[in-house]
Amino acid sequence: QVQLVESGGGLVQPGGSLRLSCAASGSIRSLNVMAWYRQAPGKERELVATITSNGDPNYVDSVKGRFTISRDNAKKTVYLQMNSLKPEDTAVYYCKADARAYWDRERDYWGQGTQVTVSS
């Protein structure tokens, strides 16, 4: 089994910054594509950013130029640096990993979510 633990959420003013972390643990054979999603009240969960095992990133248009996804394979951790935050960025942010545990096939694993609130 693979476990994902998120941290770094909180309350920040518009224009501020936050750095989210997601650390993977467990009987991990491989960590492949990792991603950040978010879900605001009354809205569907949306994909924010993805990063391959080699570090190639992709972003949804609404965060391009403001957010940066990165990963540290030695630490089995993915990060989301969020700059120039806007009130519309307010949401619960979820980490997802395409991973394979020992004695199992590749599956999607999800973190518990961390609240990000952007408000003055």
PDB file of N, CA and C in Angstrom:
ATOM      1  N   GLN A   1       0.833  -1.185   0.000  1.00  0.00           N
ATOM      2  CA  GLN A   1       0.000   0.000   0.000  1.00  0.00           C
ATOM      3  C   GLN A   1       0.878   1.251   0.000  1.00  0.00           C
ATOM      4  N   VAL A   2       0.353   2.336  -0.603  1.00  0.00           N
ATOM      5  CA  VAL A   2       1.034   3.618  -0.665  1.00  0.00           C
ATOM      6  C   VAL A   2       0.189   4.655   0.058  1.00  0.00           C
ATOM      7  N   GLN A   3       0.829   5.440   0.918  1.00  0.00           N
ATOM      8  CA  GLN A   3       0.153   6.503   1.636  1.00  0.00           C
ATOM      9  C   GLN A   3       0.715   7.856   1.208  1.00  0.00           C
ATOM     10  N   LEU A   4      -0.163   8.862   1.076  1.00  0.00           N
ATOM     11  CA  LEU A   4       0.227  10.213   0.729  1.00  0.00           C
ATOM     12  C   LEU A   4      -0.201  11.155   1.844  1.00  0.00           C
ATOM     13  N   VAL A   5       0.728  11.976   2.329  1.00  0.00           N
ATOM     14  CA  VAL A   5       0.459  12.918   3.398  1.00  0.00           C
ATOM     15  C   VAL A   5       0.761  14.321   2.899  1.00  0.00           C
ATOM     16  N   GLU A   6      -0.262  15.188   2.905  1.00  0.00           N
ATOM     17  CA  GLU A   6      -0.135  16.556   2.434  1.00  0.00           C
ATOM     18  C   GLU A   6       0.062  17.515   3.601  1.00  0.00           C
ATOM     19  N   SER A   7       0.743  18.629   3.330  1.00  0.00           N
ATOM     20  CA  SER A   7       0.944  19.663   4.326  1.00  0.00           C
ATOM     21  C   SER A   7       1.189  20.996   3.626  1.00  0.00           C
ATOM     22  N   GLY A   8       1.091  22.087   4.375  1.00  0.00           N
ATOM     23  CA  GLY A   8       1.415  23.401   3.856  1.00  0.00           C
ATOM     24  C   GLY A   8       0.239  24.314   3.583  1.00  0.00           C
ATOM     25  N   GLY A   9      -0.981  23.820   3.702  1.00  0.00           N
ATOM     26  CA  GLY A   9      -2.141  24.662   3.479  1.00  0.00           C
ATOM     27  C   GLY A   9      -2.334  25.664   4.598  1.00  0.00           C
ATOM     28  N   GLY A  10      -3.216  26.630   4.361  1.00  0.00           N
ATOM     29  CA  GLY A  10      -3.488  27.637   5.366  1.00  0.00           C
ATOM     30  C   GLY A  10      -4.197  28.838   4.794  1.00  0.00           C
ATOM     31  N   LEU A  11      -4.222  29.912   5.581  1.00  0.00           N
ATOM     32  CA  LEU A  11      -4.853  31.167   5.208  1.00  0.00           C
ATOM     33  C   LEU A  11      -3.795  32.154   4.741  1.00  0.00           C
ATOM     34  N   VAL A  12      -4.033  32.778   3.592  1.00  0.00           N
ATOM     35  CA  VAL A  12      -3.089  33.732   3.041  1.00  0.00           C
ATOM     36  C   VAL A  12      -3.856  34.870   2.367  1.00  0.00           C
ATOM     37  N   GLN A  13      -3.263  36.059   2.358  1.00  0.00           N
ATOM     38  CA  GLN A  13      -3.873  37.209   1.704  1.00  0.00           C
ATOM     39  C   GLN A  13      -3.707  37.142   0.193  1.00  0.00           C
ATOM     40  N   PRO A  14      -4.605  37.783  -0.561  1.00  0.00           N
ATOM     41  CA  PRO A  14      -4.414  37.848  -2.013  1.00  0.00           C
ATOM     42  C   PRO A  14      -3.041  38.403  -2.364  1.00  0.00           C
ATOM     43  N   GLY A  15      -2.397  37.780  -3.342  1.00  0.00           N
ATOM     44  CA  GLY A  15      -1.046  38.150  -3.720  1.00  0.00           C
ATOM     45  C   GLY A  15       0.036  37.417  -2.960  1.00  0.00           C
ATOM     46  N   GLY A  16      -0.339  36.681  -1.933  1.00  0.00           N
ATOM     47  CA  GLY A  16       0.618  35.949  -1.131  1.00  0.00           C
ATOM     48  C   GLY A  16       1.015  34.622  -1.742  1.00  0.00           C
ATOM     49  N   SER A  17       1.810  33.863  -0.982  1.00  0.00           N
ATOM     50  CA  SER A  17       2.350  32.599  -1.468  1.00  0.00           C
ATOM     51  C   SER A  17       2.188  31.495  -0.436  1.00  0.00           C
ATOM     52  N   LEU A  18       2.074  30.272  -0.919  1.00  0.00           N
ATOM     53  CA  LEU A  18       2.078  29.073  -0.098  1.00  0.00           C
ATOM     54  C   LEU A  18       2.827  27.977  -0.839  1.00  0.00           C
ATOM     55  N   ARG A  19       3.415  27.064  -0.081  1.00  0.00           N
ATOM     56  CA  ARG A  19       4.099  25.914  -0.651  1.00  0.00           C
ATOM     57  C   ARG A  19       3.499  24.643  -0.063  1.00  0.00           C
ATOM     58  N   LEU A  20       2.869  23.838  -0.909  1.00  0.00           N
ATOM     59  CA  LEU A  20       2.286  22.579  -0.489  1.00  0.00           C
ATOM     60  C   LEU A  20       3.272  21.441  -0.706  1.00  0.00           C
ATOM     61  N   SER A  21       3.236  20.471   0.197  1.00  0.00           N
ATOM     62  CA  SER A  21       4.075  19.285   0.086  1.00  0.00           C
ATOM     63  C   SER A  21       3.211  18.043   0.169  1.00  0.00           C
ATOM     64  N   CYS A  22       3.642  16.990  -0.502  1.00  0.00           N
ATOM     65  CA  CYS A  22       2.961  15.702  -0.465  1.00  0.00           C
ATOM     66  C   CYS A  22       4.020  14.617  -0.438  1.00  0.00           C
ATOM     67  N   ALA A  23       4.126  13.929   0.676  1.00  0.00           N
ATOM     68  CA  ALA A  23       5.139  12.900   0.863  1.00  0.00           C
ATOM     69  C   ALA A  23       4.513  11.514   0.757  1.00  0.00           C
ATOM     70  N   ALA A  24       5.123  10.663  -0.044  1.00  0.00           N
ATOM     71  CA  ALA A  24       4.656   9.296  -0.216  1.00  0.00           C
ATOM     72  C   ALA A  24       5.435   8.343   0.679  1.00  0.00           C
ATOM     73  N   SER A  25       4.747   7.351   1.204  1.00  0.00           N
ATOM     74  CA  SER A  25       5.393   6.350   2.039  1.00  0.00           C
ATOM     75  C   SER A  25       4.696   5.007   1.836  1.00  0.00           C
ATOM     76  N   GLY A  26       5.288   3.957   2.384  1.00  0.00           N
ATOM     77  CA  GLY A  26       4.737   2.627   2.267  1.00  0.00           C
ATOM     78  C   GLY A  26       5.633   1.717   1.451  1.00  0.00           C
ATOM     79  N   SER A  27       5.077   0.607   1.027  1.00  0.00           N
ATOM     80  CA  SER A  27       5.831  -0.381   0.248  1.00  0.00           C
ATOM     81  C   SER A  27       5.798   0.006  -1.224  1.00  0.00           C
ATOM     82  N   ILE A  28       6.591   1.013  -1.575  1.00  0.00           N
ATOM     83  CA  ILE A  28       6.557   1.608  -2.906  1.00  0.00           C
ATOM     84  C   ILE A  28       7.585   0.956  -3.811  1.00  0.00           C
ATOM     85  N   ARG A  29       7.098   0.391  -4.897  1.00  0.00           N
ATOM     86  CA  ARG A  29       8.001  -0.096  -5.928  1.00  0.00           C
ATOM     87  C   ARG A  29       8.355   1.021  -6.902  1.00  0.00           C
ATOM     88  N   SER A  30       7.351   1.834  -7.275  1.00  0.00           N
ATOM     89  CA  SER A  30       7.593   2.932  -8.195  1.00  0.00           C
ATOM     90  C   SER A  30       6.562   4.039  -8.000  1.00  0.00           C
ATOM     91  N   LEU A  31       7.008   5.283  -8.179  1.00  0.00           N
ATOM     92  CA  LEU A  31       6.156   6.459  -8.232  1.00  0.00           C
ATOM     93  C   LEU A  31       6.242   7.033  -9.634  1.00  0.00           C
ATOM     94  N   ASN A  32       5.122   7.114 -10.313  1.00  0.00           N
ATOM     95  CA  ASN A  32       5.118   7.582 -11.693  1.00  0.00           C
ATOM     96  C   ASN A  32       4.603   9.023 -11.744  1.00  0.00           C
ATOM     97  N   VAL A  33       3.580   9.302 -12.539  1.00  0.00           N
ATOM     98  CA  VAL A  33       3.054  10.665 -12.605  1.00  0.00           C
ATOM     99  C   VAL A  33       2.434  11.050 -11.266  1.00  0.00           C
ATOM    100  N   MET A  34       2.749  12.257 -10.784  1.00  0.00           N
ATOM    101  CA  MET A  34       2.124  12.815  -9.601  1.00  0.00           C
ATOM    102  C   MET A  34       1.408  14.098  -9.986  1.00  0.00           C
ATOM    103  N   ALA A  35       0.366  14.438  -9.235  1.00  0.00           N
ATOM    104  CA  ALA A  35      -0.485  15.550  -9.631  1.00  0.00           C
ATOM    105  C   ALA A  35      -1.090  16.236  -8.419  1.00  0.00           C
ATOM    106  N   TRP A  36      -1.500  17.484  -8.628  1.00  0.00           N
ATOM    107  CA  TRP A  36      -2.284  18.236  -7.661  1.00  0.00           C
ATOM    108  C   TRP A  36      -3.648  18.549  -8.262  1.00  0.00           C
ATOM    109  N   TYR A  37      -4.695  18.290  -7.492  1.00  0.00           N
ATOM    110  CA  TYR A  37      -6.061  18.649  -7.830  1.00  0.00           C
ATOM    111  C   TYR A  37      -6.587  19.617  -6.781  1.00  0.00           C
ATOM    112  N   ARG A  38      -7.691  20.289  -7.093  1.00  0.00           N
ATOM    113  CA  ARG A  38      -8.343  21.132  -6.100  1.00  0.00           C
ATOM    114  C   ARG A  38      -9.851  21.092  -6.299  1.00  0.00           C
ATOM    115  N   GLN A  39     -10.569  21.338  -5.217  1.00  0.00           N
ATOM    116  CA  GLN A  39     -12.022  21.355  -5.254  1.00  0.00           C
ATOM    117  C   GLN A  39     -12.536  22.482  -4.372  1.00  0.00           C
ATOM    118  N   ALA A  40     -13.227  23.433  -4.990  1.00  0.00           N
ATOM    119  CA  ALA A  40     -13.849  24.539  -4.280  1.00  0.00           C
ATOM    120  C   ALA A  40     -15.284  24.177  -3.936  1.00  0.00           C
ATOM    121  N   PRO A  41     -15.878  24.828  -2.923  1.00  0.00           N
ATOM    122  CA  PRO A  41     -17.262  24.535  -2.553  1.00  0.00           C
ATOM    123  C   PRO A  41     -18.215  24.706  -3.728  1.00  0.00           C
ATOM    124  N   GLY A  42     -19.052  23.705  -3.967  1.00  0.00           N
ATOM    125  CA  GLY A  42     -20.017  23.758  -5.038  1.00  0.00           C
ATOM    126  C   GLY A  42     -19.467  23.500  -6.422  1.00  0.00           C
ATOM    127  N   LYS A  43     -18.186  23.185  -6.532  1.00  0.00           N
ATOM    128  CA  LYS A  43     -17.569  22.941  -7.820  1.00  0.00           C
ATOM    129  C   LYS A  43     -16.985  21.536  -7.881  1.00  0.00           C
ATOM    130  N   GLU A  44     -16.771  21.061  -9.106  1.00  0.00           N
ATOM    131  CA  GLU A  44     -16.154  19.762  -9.300  1.00  0.00           C
ATOM    132  C   GLU A  44     -14.650  19.841  -9.070  1.00  0.00           C
ATOM    133  N   ARG A  45     -14.066  18.711  -8.711  1.00  0.00           N
ATOM    134  CA  ARG A  45     -12.627  18.645  -8.555  1.00  0.00           C
ATOM    135  C   ARG A  45     -11.951  18.853  -9.908  1.00  0.00           C
ATOM    136  N   GLU A  46     -10.915  19.680  -9.944  1.00  0.00           N
ATOM    137  CA  GLU A  46     -10.219  19.968 -11.179  1.00  0.00           C
ATOM    138  C   GLU A  46      -8.726  19.679 -11.047  1.00  0.00           C
ATOM    139  N   LEU A  47      -8.133  19.286 -12.156  1.00  0.00           N
ATOM    140  CA  LEU A  47      -6.703  19.060 -12.211  1.00  0.00           C
ATOM    141  C   LEU A  47      -5.973  20.391 -12.282  1.00  0.00           C
ATOM    142  N   VAL A  48      -4.967  20.569 -11.427  1.00  0.00           N
ATOM    143  CA  VAL A  48      -4.198  21.804 -11.375  1.00  0.00           C
ATOM    144  C   VAL A  48      -2.861  21.653 -12.089  1.00  0.00           C
ATOM    145  N   ALA A  49      -2.123  20.593 -11.773  1.00  0.00           N
ATOM    146  CA  ALA A  49      -0.795  20.404 -12.342  1.00  0.00           C
ATOM    147  C   ALA A  49      -0.404  18.941 -12.258  1.00  0.00           C
ATOM    148  N   THR A  50       0.437  18.510 -13.190  1.00  0.00           N
ATOM    149  CA  THR A  50       0.999  17.166 -13.179  1.00  0.00           C
ATOM    150  C   THR A  50       2.503  17.250 -13.380  1.00  0.00           C
ATOM    151  N   ILE A  51       3.193  16.199 -12.969  1.00  0.00           N
ATOM    152  CA  ILE A  51       4.628  16.117 -13.194  1.00  0.00           C
ATOM    153  C   ILE A  51       5.007  14.656 -13.382  1.00  0.00           C
ATOM    154  N   THR A  52       5.804  14.377 -14.410  1.00  0.00           N
ATOM    155  CA  THR A  52       6.232  13.017 -14.685  1.00  0.00           C
ATOM    156  C   THR A  52       7.365  12.622 -13.756  1.00  0.00           C
ATOM    157  N   SER A  53       7.737  11.355 -13.809  1.00  0.00           N
ATOM    158  CA  SER A  53       8.831  10.870 -12.977  1.00  0.00           C
ATOM    159  C   SER A  53      10.157  11.519 -13.334  1.00  0.00           C
ATOM    160  N   ASN A  54      10.269  12.036 -14.557  1.00  0.00           N
ATOM    161  CA  ASN A  54      11.479  12.725 -14.995  1.00  0.00           C
ATOM    162  C   ASN A  54      11.441  14.229 -14.745  1.00  0.00           C
ATOM    163  N   GLY A  55      10.319  14.736 -14.212  1.00  0.00           N
ATOM    164  CA  GLY A  55      10.234  16.135 -13.853  1.00  0.00           C
ATOM    165  C   GLY A  55       9.609  17.048 -14.885  1.00  0.00           C
ATOM    166  N   ASP A  56       8.924  16.516 -15.889  1.00  0.00           N
ATOM    167  CA  ASP A  56       8.258  17.336 -16.895  1.00  0.00           C
ATOM    168  C   ASP A  56       6.893  17.786 -16.381  1.00  0.00           C
ATOM    169  N   PRO A  57       6.661  19.119 -16.254  1.00  0.00           N
ATOM    170  CA  PRO A  57       5.414  19.618 -15.679  1.00  0.00           C
ATOM    171  C   PRO A  57       4.374  20.032 -16.716  1.00  0.00           C
ATOM    172  N   ASN A  58       3.112  20.019 -16.300  1.00  0.00           N
ATOM    173  CA  ASN A  58       2.011  20.583 -17.061  1.00  0.00           C
ATOM    174  C   ASN A  58       1.052  21.260 -16.097  1.00  0.00           C
ATOM    175  N   TYR A  59       0.377  22.335 -16.581  1.00  0.00           N
ATOM    176  CA  TYR A  59      -0.487  23.137 -15.727  1.00  0.00           C
ATOM    177  C   TYR A  59      -1.796  23.463 -16.421  1.00  0.00           C
ATOM    178  N   VAL A  60      -2.832  23.628 -15.619  1.00  0.00           N
ATOM    179  CA  VAL A  60      -4.066  24.191 -16.125  1.00  0.00           C
ATOM    180  C   VAL A  60      -3.825  25.678 -16.405  1.00  0.00           C
ATOM    181  N   ASP A  61      -4.503  26.224 -17.415  1.00  0.00           N
ATOM    182  CA  ASP A  61      -4.236  27.595 -17.851  1.00  0.00           C
ATOM    183  C   ASP A  61      -4.400  28.623 -16.738  1.00  0.00           C
ATOM    184  N   SER A  62      -5.332  28.407 -15.836  1.00  0.00           N
ATOM    185  CA  SER A  62      -5.639  29.396 -14.811  1.00  0.00           C
ATOM    186  C   SER A  62      -4.513  29.599 -13.799  1.00  0.00           C
ATOM    187  N   VAL A  63      -3.566  28.676 -13.712  1.00  0.00           N
ATOM    188  CA  VAL A  63      -2.474  28.809 -12.754  1.00  0.00           C
ATOM    189  C   VAL A  63      -1.120  28.962 -13.425  1.00  0.00           C
ATOM    190  N   LYS A  64      -1.074  28.887 -14.735  1.00  0.00           N
ATOM    191  CA  LYS A  64       0.176  28.990 -15.462  1.00  0.00           C
ATOM    192  C   LYS A  64       0.855  30.326 -15.189  1.00  0.00           C
ATOM    193  N   GLY A  65       2.138  30.282 -14.880  1.00  0.00           N
ATOM    194  CA  GLY A  65       2.888  31.479 -14.553  1.00  0.00           C
ATOM    195  C   GLY A  65       2.852  31.845 -13.089  1.00  0.00           C
ATOM    196  N   ARG A  66       1.952  31.245 -12.318  1.00  0.00           N
ATOM    197  CA  ARG A  66       1.832  31.525 -10.891  1.00  0.00           C
ATOM    198  C   ARG A  66       2.227  30.333 -10.018  1.00  0.00           C
ATOM    199  N   PHE A  67       1.897  29.122 -10.467  1.00  0.00           N
ATOM    200  CA  PHE A  67       2.180  27.906  -9.704  1.00  0.00           C
ATOM    201  C   PHE A  67       3.333  27.142 -10.343  1.00  0.00           C
ATOM    202  N   THR A  68       4.099  26.451  -9.515  1.00  0.00           N
ATOM    203  CA  THR A  68       5.184  25.605  -9.986  1.00  0.00           C
ATOM    204  C   THR A  68       5.123  24.261  -9.280  1.00  0.00           C
ATOM    205  N   ILE A  69       5.025  23.181 -10.051  1.00  0.00           N
ATOM    206  CA  ILE A  69       5.059  21.838  -9.492  1.00  0.00           C
ATOM    207  C   ILE A  69       6.472  21.284  -9.635  1.00  0.00           C
ATOM    208  N   SER A  70       6.932  20.586  -8.619  1.00  0.00           N
ATOM    209  CA  SER A  70       8.253  19.972  -8.647  1.00  0.00           C
ATOM    210  C   SER A  70       8.223  18.699  -7.815  1.00  0.00           C
ATOM    211  N   ARG A  71       9.286  17.908  -7.916  1.00  0.00           N
ATOM    212  CA  ARG A  71       9.344  16.675  -7.127  1.00  0.00           C
ATOM    213  C   ARG A  71      10.780  16.362  -6.760  1.00  0.00           C
ATOM    214  N   ASP A  72      10.925  15.658  -5.656  1.00  0.00           N
ATOM    215  CA  ASP A  72      12.203  15.175  -5.177  1.00  0.00           C
ATOM    216  C   ASP A  72      12.059  13.664  -5.061  1.00  0.00           C
ATOM    217  N   ASN A  73      12.599  12.944  -6.021  1.00  0.00           N
ATOM    218  CA  ASN A  73      12.414  11.500  -6.055  1.00  0.00           C
ATOM    219  C   ASN A  73      13.108  10.795  -4.888  1.00  0.00           C
ATOM    220  N   ALA A  74      14.220  11.345  -4.422  1.00  0.00           N
ATOM    221  CA  ALA A  74      14.908  10.757  -3.283  1.00  0.00           C
ATOM    222  C   ALA A  74      14.053  10.829  -2.025  1.00  0.00           C
ATOM    223  N   LYS A  75      13.291  11.922  -1.872  1.00  0.00           N
ATOM    224  CA  LYS A  75      12.414  12.097  -0.723  1.00  0.00           C
ATOM    225  C   LYS A  75      11.001  11.589  -0.982  1.00  0.00           C
ATOM    226  N   LYS A  76      10.734  11.134  -2.205  1.00  0.00           N
ATOM    227  CA  LYS A  76       9.396  10.660  -2.590  1.00  0.00           C
ATOM    228  C   LYS A  76       8.344  11.725  -2.286  1.00  0.00           C
ATOM    229  N   THR A  77       8.629  12.953  -2.663  1.00  0.00           N
ATOM    230  CA  THR A  77       7.783  14.086  -2.334  1.00  0.00           C
ATOM    231  C   THR A  77       7.537  14.956  -3.561  1.00  0.00           C
ATOM    232  N   VAL A  78       6.298  15.422  -3.706  1.00  0.00           N
ATOM    233  CA  VAL A  78       5.940  16.377  -4.738  1.00  0.00           C
ATOM    234  C   VAL A  78       5.524  17.677  -4.064  1.00  0.00           C
ATOM    235  N   TYR A  79       5.843  18.811  -4.706  1.00  0.00           N
ATOM    236  CA  TYR A  79       5.570  20.127  -4.146  1.00  0.00           C
ATOM    237  C   TYR A  79       4.719  20.944  -5.108  1.00  0.00           C
ATOM    238  N   LEU A  80       4.002  21.909  -4.561  1.00  0.00           N
ATOM    239  CA  LEU A  80       3.298  22.897  -5.365  1.00  0.00           C
ATOM    240  C   LEU A  80       3.565  24.271  -4.769  1.00  0.00           C
ATOM    241  N   GLN A  81       4.398  25.054  -5.440  1.00  0.00           N
ATOM    242  CA  GLN A  81       4.667  26.425  -5.036  1.00  0.00           C
ATOM    243  C   GLN A  81       3.613  27.320  -5.662  1.00  0.00           C
ATOM    244  N   MET A  82       2.860  28.033  -4.838  1.00  0.00           N
ATOM    245  CA  MET A  82       1.758  28.866  -5.300  1.00  0.00           C
ATOM    246  C   MET A  82       2.077  30.322  -4.990  1.00  0.00           C
ATOM    247  N   ASN A  83       2.238  31.127  -6.028  1.00  0.00           N
ATOM    248  CA  ASN A  83       2.517  32.546  -5.896  1.00  0.00           C
ATOM    249  C   ASN A  83       1.364  33.360  -6.464  1.00  0.00           C
ATOM    250  N   SER A  84       1.326  34.642  -6.111  1.00  0.00           N
ATOM    251  CA  SER A  84       0.289  35.558  -6.601  1.00  0.00           C
ATOM    252  C   SER A  84      -1.101  34.966  -6.433  1.00  0.00           C
ATOM    253  N   LEU A  85      -1.377  34.468  -5.249  1.00  0.00           N
ATOM    254  CA  LEU A  85      -2.635  33.776  -4.997  1.00  0.00           C
ATOM    255  C   LEU A  85      -3.825  34.718  -5.097  1.00  0.00           C
ATOM    256  N   LYS A  86      -4.929  34.188  -5.607  1.00  0.00           N
ATOM    257  CA  LYS A  86      -6.170  34.911  -5.792  1.00  0.00           C
ATOM    258  C   LYS A  86      -7.276  34.258  -4.972  1.00  0.00           C
ATOM    259  N   PRO A  87      -8.330  35.003  -4.624  1.00  0.00           N
ATOM    260  CA  PRO A  87      -9.435  34.395  -3.887  1.00  0.00           C
ATOM    261  C   PRO A  87     -10.023  33.171  -4.592  1.00  0.00           C
ATOM    262  N   GLU A  88     -10.033  33.162  -5.909  1.00  0.00           N
ATOM    263  CA  GLU A  88     -10.566  32.031  -6.646  1.00  0.00           C
ATOM    264  C   GLU A  88      -9.694  30.781  -6.558  1.00  0.00           C
ATOM    265  N   ASP A  89      -8.499  30.898  -5.975  1.00  0.00           N
ATOM    266  CA  ASP A  89      -7.664  29.733  -5.713  1.00  0.00           C
ATOM    267  C   ASP A  89      -8.092  28.994  -4.451  1.00  0.00           C
ATOM    268  N   THR A  90      -9.002  29.575  -3.686  1.00  0.00           N
ATOM    269  CA  THR A  90      -9.470  28.950  -2.458  1.00  0.00           C
ATOM    270  C   THR A  90     -10.119  27.603  -2.764  1.00  0.00           C
ATOM    271  N   ALA A  91      -9.632  26.548  -2.121  1.00  0.00           N
ATOM    272  CA  ALA A  91     -10.121  25.197  -2.366  1.00  0.00           C
ATOM    273  C   ALA A  91      -9.409  24.230  -1.433  1.00  0.00           C
ATOM    274  N   VAL A  92      -9.902  23.002  -1.402  1.00  0.00           N
ATOM    275  CA  VAL A  92      -9.155  21.906  -0.807  1.00  0.00           C
ATOM    276  C   VAL A  92      -8.266  21.330  -1.890  1.00  0.00           C
ATOM    277  N   TYR A  93      -6.978  21.251  -1.613  1.00  0.00           N
ATOM    278  CA  TYR A  93      -6.009  20.752  -2.575  1.00  0.00           C
ATOM    279  C   TYR A  93      -5.645  19.310  -2.248  1.00  0.00           C
ATOM    280  N   TYR A  94      -5.684  18.451  -3.265  1.00  0.00           N
ATOM    281  CA  TYR A  94      -5.426  17.030  -3.112  1.00  0.00           C
ATOM    282  C   TYR A  94      -4.221  16.607  -3.941  1.00  0.00           C
ATOM    283  N   CYS A  95      -3.408  15.759  -3.369  1.00  0.00           N
ATOM    284  CA  CYS A  95      -2.289  15.154  -4.059  1.00  0.00           C
ATOM    285  C   CYS A  95      -2.705  13.789  -4.591  1.00  0.00           C
ATOM    286  N   LYS A  96      -2.296  13.458  -5.806  1.00  0.00           N
ATOM    287  CA  LYS A  96      -2.543  12.144  -6.385  1.00  0.00           C
ATOM    288  C   LYS A  96      -1.254  11.584  -6.966  1.00  0.00           C
ATOM    289  N   ALA A  97      -1.063  10.293  -6.791  1.00  0.00           N
ATOM    290  CA  ALA A  97       0.100   9.616  -7.340  1.00  0.00           C
ATOM    291  C   ALA A  97      -0.320   8.378  -8.106  1.00  0.00           C
ATOM    292  N   ASP A  98       0.241   8.207  -9.297  1.00  0.00           N
ATOM    293  CA  ASP A  98       0.162   6.937 -10.007  1.00  0.00           C
ATOM    294  C   ASP A  98       1.350   6.125  -9.527  1.00  0.00           C
ATOM    295  N   ALA A  99       1.081   5.092  -8.750  1.00  0.00           N
ATOM    296  CA  ALA A  99       2.156   4.380  -8.076  1.00  0.00           C
ATOM    297  C   ALA A  99       1.910   2.880  -8.081  1.00  0.00           C
ATOM    298  N   ARG A 100       2.983   2.154  -7.851  1.00  0.00           N
ATOM    299  CA  ARG A 100       2.913   0.706  -7.738  1.00  0.00           C
ATOM    300  C   ARG A 100       3.547   0.271  -6.433  1.00  0.00           C
ATOM    301  N   ALA A 101       2.782  -0.441  -5.628  1.00  0.00           N
ATOM    302  CA  ALA A 101       3.304  -1.055  -4.418  1.00  0.00           C
ATOM    303  C   ALA A 101       3.831  -2.451  -4.736  1.00  0.00           C
ATOM    304  N   TYR A 102       4.670  -2.953  -3.859  1.00  0.00           N
ATOM    305  CA  TYR A 102       5.145  -4.320  -4.024  1.00  0.00           C
ATOM    306  C   TYR A 102       3.980  -5.296  -3.988  1.00  0.00           C
ATOM    307  N   TRP A 103       4.029  -6.287  -4.842  1.00  0.00           N
ATOM    308  CA  TRP A 103       3.006  -7.336  -4.932  1.00  0.00           C
ATOM    309  C   TRP A 103       1.662  -6.791  -5.402  1.00  0.00           C
ATOM    310  N   ASP A 104       1.671  -5.700  -6.162  1.00  0.00           N
ATOM    311  CA  ASP A 104       0.433  -5.117  -6.641  1.00  0.00           C
ATOM    312  C   ASP A 104       0.676  -4.462  -7.997  1.00  0.00           C
ATOM    313  N   ARG A 105      -0.396  -4.150  -8.687  1.00  0.00           N
ATOM    314  CA  ARG A 105      -0.328  -3.434  -9.947  1.00  0.00           C
ATOM    315  C   ARG A 105      -0.337  -1.926  -9.702  1.00  0.00           C
ATOM    316  N   GLU A 106      -0.104  -1.153 -10.761  1.00  0.00           N
ATOM    317  CA  GLU A 106      -0.139   0.297 -10.650  1.00  0.00           C
ATOM    318  C   GLU A 106      -1.554   0.770 -10.367  1.00  0.00           C
ATOM    319  N   ARG A 107      -1.671   1.680  -9.393  1.00  0.00           N
ATOM    320  CA  ARG A 107      -2.958   2.241  -9.012  1.00  0.00           C
ATOM    321  C   ARG A 107      -2.827   3.749  -8.781  1.00  0.00           C
ATOM    322  N   ASP A 108      -3.982   4.422  -8.681  1.00  0.00           N
ATOM    323  CA  ASP A 108      -4.025   5.818  -8.265  1.00  0.00           C
ATOM    324  C   ASP A 108      -4.190   5.890  -6.751  1.00  0.00           C
ATOM    325  N   TYR A 109      -3.370   6.711  -6.110  1.00  0.00           N
ATOM    326  CA  TYR A 109      -3.460   6.935  -4.672  1.00  0.00           C
ATOM    327  C   TYR A 109      -3.704   8.411  -4.415  1.00  0.00           C
ATOM    328  N   TRP A 110      -4.523   8.705  -3.399  1.00  0.00           N
ATOM    329  CA  TRP A 110      -4.917  10.078  -3.077  1.00  0.00           C
ATOM    330  C   TRP A 110      -4.531  10.451  -1.654  1.00  0.00           C
ATOM    331  N   GLY A 111      -4.137  11.706  -1.471  1.00  0.00           N
ATOM    332  CA  GLY A 111      -3.930  12.244  -0.148  1.00  0.00           C
ATOM    333  C   GLY A 111      -5.241  12.675   0.482  1.00  0.00           C
ATOM    334  N   GLN A 112      -5.174  13.131   1.730  1.00  0.00           N
ATOM    335  CA  GLN A 112      -6.374  13.476   2.481  1.00  0.00           C
ATOM    336  C   GLN A 112      -6.900  14.871   2.157  1.00  0.00           C
ATOM    337  N   GLY A 113      -6.106  15.694   1.522  1.00  0.00           N
ATOM    338  CA  GLY A 113      -6.487  17.052   1.184  1.00  0.00           C
ATOM    339  C   GLY A 113      -6.015  18.056   2.217  1.00  0.00           C
ATOM    340  N   THR A 114      -5.694  19.259   1.760  1.00  0.00           N
ATOM    341  CA  THR A 114      -5.299  20.348   2.646  1.00  0.00           C
ATOM    342  C   THR A 114      -5.990  21.632   2.194  1.00  0.00           C
ATOM    343  N   GLN A 115      -6.530  22.383   3.153  1.00  0.00           N
ATOM    344  CA  GLN A 115      -7.318  23.571   2.849  1.00  0.00           C
ATOM    345  C   GLN A 115      -6.420  24.762   2.550  1.00  0.00           C
ATOM    346  N   VAL A 116      -6.699  25.438   1.438  1.00  0.00           N
ATOM    347  CA  VAL A 116      -6.046  26.693   1.087  1.00  0.00           C
ATOM    348  C   VAL A 116      -7.123  27.765   0.999  1.00  0.00           C
ATOM    349  N   THR A 117      -6.980  28.811   1.797  1.00  0.00           N
ATOM    350  CA  THR A 117      -7.939  29.905   1.810  1.00  0.00           C
ATOM    351  C   THR A 117      -7.219  31.207   1.500  1.00  0.00           C
ATOM    352  N   VAL A 118      -7.667  31.901   0.453  1.00  0.00           N
ATOM    353  CA  VAL A 118      -7.085  33.174   0.041  1.00  0.00           C
ATOM    354  C   VAL A 118      -8.128  34.255   0.289  1.00  0.00           C
ATOM    355  N   SER A 119      -7.877  35.100   1.272  1.00  0.00           N
ATOM    356  CA  SER A 119      -8.858  36.098   1.669  1.00  0.00           C
ATOM    357  C   SER A 119      -8.175  37.256   2.382  1.00  0.00           C
ATOM    358  N   SER A 120      -8.718  38.453   2.201  1.00  0.00           N
ATOM    359  CA  SER A 120      -8.247  39.627   2.906  1.00  0.00           C
ATOM    360  C   SER A 120      -9.043  39.868   4.176  1.00  0.00           C
TER     361      SER A 120
END
